[in-house]
Structures are given as structure tokens and as C-alpha cells.
Amino acid sequence: MSDDARAGHREDIYGKTPNGLDIHVFDCPGDKLVTLWSSRFGVGKDNPSSSVIPVDADYGKLQERSMVQIDMYNINEFEV
């Protein structure tokens, strides 16, 4: 993780997922590249069937560890 990205880590006040995994939130540094990662390689069956994940979703720990969720605010476009 770059120093710029590490500096954007918010205090861990967001709690845990329904499966007990820690939630980490980062503010992306302006005009810098950001690398995202999960804690394990997933397989096709790990993919959610919807881009909207309800709070009480029945996802297992392995599936959660295979995904990255990105929430964006006030963004018109982005490049992947």
C-alpha cells in the first residue's frame, strides 16, 4: 500500500461485516493511482448476483474475503 493511500485510512469505527470481518475505509488521495485488493483469490461462484448488497446478505466469510466493494460519492466518471 502506498504512503498516500495509507494516509487516507479512516479510524476503524465502521465495525464488522455480518460475517465478522473488519471493515476498512480509505479516502483516496487526489490525482493518485490507488490499488485495491481482496484477501484471497475468488472463483466465479463467489460473484454476487447483484451490485446492491443488502446488509443482511447471506454471504460467507470466504466470499467476503474475495471481494472489494467501492462506494463513490460526487464522482462523474472514473478510469479502470
N, C-alpha and C. Protein backbone atom coordinates (compact mmCIF):
# COMPACT_ATOMS: atom_id res chain seq x y z
N MET A 1 0.85 -1.17 0.00
CA MET A 1 0.00 0.00 0.00
C MET A 1 0.90 1.23 0.00
N SER A 2 0.56 2.20 -0.84
CA SER A 2 1.37 3.42 -0.90
C SER A 2 1.17 4.26 0.37
N ASP A 3 2.13 5.11 0.64
CA ASP A 3 2.02 6.00 1.80
C ASP A 3 0.82 6.93 1.65
N ASP A 4 0.53 7.37 0.40
CA ASP A 4 -0.62 8.24 0.16
C ASP A 4 -1.92 7.54 0.52
N ALA A 5 -2.06 6.29 0.09
CA ALA A 5 -3.27 5.53 0.39
C ALA A 5 -3.35 5.23 1.89
N ARG A 6 -2.26 4.86 2.48
CA ARG A 6 -2.23 4.56 3.91
C ARG A 6 -2.66 5.78 4.73
N ALA A 7 -2.25 6.96 4.28
CA ALA A 7 -2.61 8.19 4.99
C ALA A 7 -4.11 8.44 4.93
N GLY A 8 -4.80 7.87 3.93
CA GLY A 8 -6.24 8.06 3.80
C GLY A 8 -7.08 7.06 4.58
N HIS A 9 -6.43 6.19 5.36
CA HIS A 9 -7.17 5.19 6.13
C HIS A 9 -7.91 5.89 7.27
N ARG A 10 -9.20 5.69 7.30
CA ARG A 10 -10.00 6.29 8.37
C ARG A 10 -9.91 5.43 9.62
N GLU A 11 -10.16 6.05 10.74
CA GLU A 11 -10.16 5.34 12.01
C GLU A 11 -11.14 4.17 11.92
N ASP A 12 -10.80 3.04 12.48
CA ASP A 12 -11.63 1.84 12.38
C ASP A 12 -12.85 1.94 13.29
N ILE A 13 -13.82 2.74 12.87
CA ILE A 13 -15.06 2.90 13.64
C ILE A 13 -16.26 2.33 12.89
N TYR A 14 -15.99 1.61 11.79
CA TYR A 14 -17.06 1.14 10.94
C TYR A 14 -17.53 -0.26 11.29
N GLY A 15 -16.90 -0.87 12.27
CA GLY A 15 -17.37 -2.14 12.76
C GLY A 15 -16.97 -3.33 11.91
N LYS A 16 -17.86 -4.29 11.86
CA LYS A 16 -17.58 -5.55 11.19
C LYS A 16 -18.70 -5.89 10.21
N THR A 17 -18.38 -6.75 9.26
CA THR A 17 -19.37 -7.24 8.31
C THR A 17 -20.27 -8.25 9.03
N PRO A 18 -21.37 -8.67 8.39
CA PRO A 18 -22.23 -9.69 9.02
C PRO A 18 -21.48 -10.99 9.34
N ASN A 19 -20.36 -11.23 8.64
CA ASN A 19 -19.58 -12.44 8.89
C ASN A 19 -18.41 -12.21 9.82
N GLY A 20 -18.33 -11.04 10.45
CA GLY A 20 -17.32 -10.78 11.46
C GLY A 20 -15.99 -10.27 10.95
N LEU A 21 -15.90 -9.89 9.66
CA LEU A 21 -14.65 -9.34 9.13
C LEU A 21 -14.60 -7.84 9.37
N ASP A 22 -13.41 -7.32 9.66
CA ASP A 22 -13.25 -5.89 9.89
C ASP A 22 -13.56 -5.09 8.62
N ILE A 23 -14.20 -3.93 8.78
CA ILE A 23 -14.46 -3.02 7.67
C ILE A 23 -13.41 -1.92 7.71
N HIS A 24 -12.70 -1.74 6.60
CA HIS A 24 -11.69 -0.69 6.49
C HIS A 24 -12.15 0.32 5.45
N VAL A 25 -12.02 1.60 5.77
CA VAL A 25 -12.44 2.67 4.87
C VAL A 25 -11.24 3.57 4.61
N PHE A 26 -11.02 3.88 3.32
CA PHE A 26 -9.92 4.74 2.90
C PHE A 26 -10.46 5.89 2.07
N ASP A 27 -9.92 7.08 2.28
CA ASP A 27 -10.18 8.21 1.39
C ASP A 27 -9.07 8.19 0.35
N CYS A 28 -9.47 8.14 -0.92
CA CYS A 28 -8.47 8.08 -1.99
C CYS A 28 -7.74 9.41 -2.11
N PRO A 29 -6.42 9.35 -2.27
CA PRO A 29 -5.65 10.58 -2.46
C PRO A 29 -5.96 11.19 -3.82
N GLY A 30 -6.12 12.50 -3.89
CA GLY A 30 -6.44 13.17 -5.14
C GLY A 30 -5.36 13.01 -6.19
N ASP A 31 -5.77 12.73 -7.42
CA ASP A 31 -4.86 12.63 -8.56
C ASP A 31 -3.75 11.60 -8.38
N LYS A 32 -4.01 10.54 -7.63
CA LYS A 32 -3.03 9.47 -7.43
C LYS A 32 -3.69 8.14 -7.80
N LEU A 33 -2.90 7.20 -8.25
CA LEU A 33 -3.41 5.86 -8.52
C LEU A 33 -3.63 5.11 -7.21
N VAL A 34 -4.66 4.29 -7.18
CA VAL A 34 -4.98 3.51 -6.00
C VAL A 34 -5.10 2.05 -6.42
N THR A 35 -4.49 1.15 -5.67
CA THR A 35 -4.58 -0.28 -5.92
C THR A 35 -5.53 -0.89 -4.90
N LEU A 36 -6.46 -1.70 -5.37
CA LEU A 36 -7.40 -2.38 -4.49
C LEU A 36 -7.08 -3.86 -4.47
N TRP A 37 -7.37 -4.52 -3.37
CA TRP A 37 -7.09 -5.95 -3.27
C TRP A 37 -8.08 -6.58 -2.31
N SER A 38 -8.24 -7.88 -2.46
CA SER A 38 -9.01 -8.66 -1.50
C SER A 38 -8.00 -9.54 -0.77
N SER A 39 -8.45 -10.27 0.22
CA SER A 39 -7.51 -11.09 0.99
C SER A 39 -7.42 -12.52 0.47
N ARG A 40 -8.10 -12.84 -0.63
CA ARG A 40 -7.96 -14.14 -1.26
C ARG A 40 -8.44 -14.06 -2.70
N PHE A 41 -7.96 -14.97 -3.53
CA PHE A 41 -8.43 -15.06 -4.91
C PHE A 41 -9.80 -15.74 -4.89
N GLY A 42 -10.75 -15.17 -5.59
CA GLY A 42 -12.08 -15.75 -5.66
C GLY A 42 -12.25 -16.60 -6.90
N VAL A 43 -13.39 -17.24 -6.98
CA VAL A 43 -13.77 -18.02 -8.16
C VAL A 43 -15.14 -17.52 -8.61
N GLY A 44 -15.59 -17.94 -9.79
CA GLY A 44 -16.84 -17.45 -10.35
C GLY A 44 -18.04 -17.53 -9.42
N LYS A 45 -18.15 -18.61 -8.66
CA LYS A 45 -19.32 -18.75 -7.79
C LYS A 45 -19.31 -17.76 -6.62
N ASP A 46 -18.16 -17.09 -6.38
CA ASP A 46 -18.09 -16.08 -5.34
C ASP A 46 -18.75 -14.76 -5.75
N ASN A 47 -18.95 -14.57 -7.07
CA ASN A 47 -19.50 -13.31 -7.56
C ASN A 47 -20.94 -13.12 -7.09
N PRO A 48 -21.24 -11.93 -6.56
CA PRO A 48 -22.63 -11.67 -6.16
C PRO A 48 -23.52 -11.56 -7.40
N SER A 49 -24.79 -11.84 -7.24
CA SER A 49 -25.72 -11.78 -8.35
C SER A 49 -26.28 -10.37 -8.55
N SER A 50 -25.96 -9.46 -7.65
CA SER A 50 -26.45 -8.08 -7.73
C SER A 50 -25.34 -7.14 -7.28
N SER A 51 -25.34 -5.93 -7.82
CA SER A 51 -24.36 -4.94 -7.37
C SER A 51 -24.79 -4.28 -6.07
N VAL A 52 -26.02 -4.52 -5.65
CA VAL A 52 -26.52 -3.99 -4.38
C VAL A 52 -26.50 -5.12 -3.37
N ILE A 53 -25.71 -4.94 -2.33
CA ILE A 53 -25.56 -5.99 -1.32
C ILE A 53 -26.35 -5.56 -0.08
N PRO A 54 -27.45 -6.24 0.23
CA PRO A 54 -28.22 -5.88 1.41
C PRO A 54 -27.43 -6.15 2.69
N VAL A 55 -27.71 -5.38 3.71
CA VAL A 55 -26.99 -5.50 4.98
C VAL A 55 -27.07 -6.92 5.53
N ASP A 56 -28.21 -7.57 5.38
CA ASP A 56 -28.39 -8.91 5.94
C ASP A 56 -28.09 -10.01 4.93
N ALA A 57 -27.27 -9.70 3.92
CA ALA A 57 -26.95 -10.68 2.88
C ALA A 57 -26.32 -11.92 3.48
N ASP A 58 -26.64 -13.05 2.91
CA ASP A 58 -26.13 -14.33 3.41
C ASP A 58 -24.84 -14.70 2.67
N TYR A 59 -23.81 -13.86 2.81
CA TYR A 59 -22.52 -14.13 2.20
C TYR A 59 -21.63 -14.81 3.24
N GLY A 60 -20.85 -15.76 2.80
CA GLY A 60 -19.93 -16.41 3.71
C GLY A 60 -18.64 -15.62 3.83
N LYS A 61 -17.83 -15.98 4.82
CA LYS A 61 -16.55 -15.29 5.02
C LYS A 61 -15.66 -15.42 3.79
N LEU A 62 -15.61 -16.60 3.18
CA LEU A 62 -14.75 -16.77 2.01
C LEU A 62 -15.17 -15.85 0.88
N GLN A 63 -16.48 -15.71 0.67
CA GLN A 63 -16.96 -14.82 -0.39
C GLN A 63 -16.62 -13.37 -0.06
N GLU A 64 -16.80 -12.96 1.18
CA GLU A 64 -16.45 -11.59 1.58
C GLU A 64 -14.96 -11.33 1.39
N ARG A 65 -14.14 -12.32 1.72
CA ARG A 65 -12.69 -12.13 1.60
C ARG A 65 -12.24 -12.07 0.14
N SER A 66 -13.12 -12.47 -0.80
CA SER A 66 -12.78 -12.49 -2.22
C SER A 66 -13.23 -11.24 -2.95
N MET A 67 -13.90 -10.33 -2.27
CA MET A 67 -14.48 -9.19 -2.97
C MET A 67 -13.93 -7.86 -2.46
N VAL A 68 -14.08 -6.87 -3.29
CA VAL A 68 -13.74 -5.49 -2.93
C VAL A 68 -14.97 -4.66 -3.24
N GLN A 69 -15.43 -3.87 -2.30
CA GLN A 69 -16.58 -3.00 -2.52
C GLN A 69 -16.09 -1.57 -2.61
N ILE A 70 -16.56 -0.86 -3.63
CA ILE A 70 -16.15 0.53 -3.83
C ILE A 70 -17.40 1.40 -3.78
N ASP A 71 -17.43 2.33 -2.86
CA ASP A 71 -18.51 3.31 -2.79
C ASP A 71 -17.92 4.66 -3.18
N MET A 72 -18.55 5.32 -4.13
CA MET A 72 -18.04 6.61 -4.61
C MET A 72 -19.10 7.69 -4.41
N TYR A 73 -18.63 8.87 -4.05
CA TYR A 73 -19.52 10.00 -3.83
C TYR A 73 -19.04 11.17 -4.67
N ASN A 74 -19.97 11.88 -5.28
CA ASN A 74 -19.67 13.05 -6.10
C ASN A 74 -18.65 12.73 -7.20
N ILE A 75 -18.79 11.59 -7.83
CA ILE A 75 -17.91 11.17 -8.90
C ILE A 75 -18.72 11.10 -10.21
N ASN A 76 -18.26 11.78 -11.23
CA ASN A 76 -18.93 11.73 -12.53
C ASN A 76 -18.40 10.62 -13.41
N GLU A 77 -17.12 10.32 -13.29
CA GLU A 77 -16.51 9.25 -14.08
C GLU A 77 -15.23 8.81 -13.41
N PHE A 78 -14.77 7.61 -13.78
CA PHE A 78 -13.51 7.11 -13.29
C PHE A 78 -12.93 6.14 -14.31
N GLU A 79 -11.64 5.92 -14.25
CA GLU A 79 -10.97 5.06 -15.20
C GLU A 79 -10.48 3.81 -14.48
N VAL A 80 -10.73 2.65 -15.08
CA VAL A 80 -10.28 1.39 -14.52
C VAL A 80 -9.28 0.76 -15.46
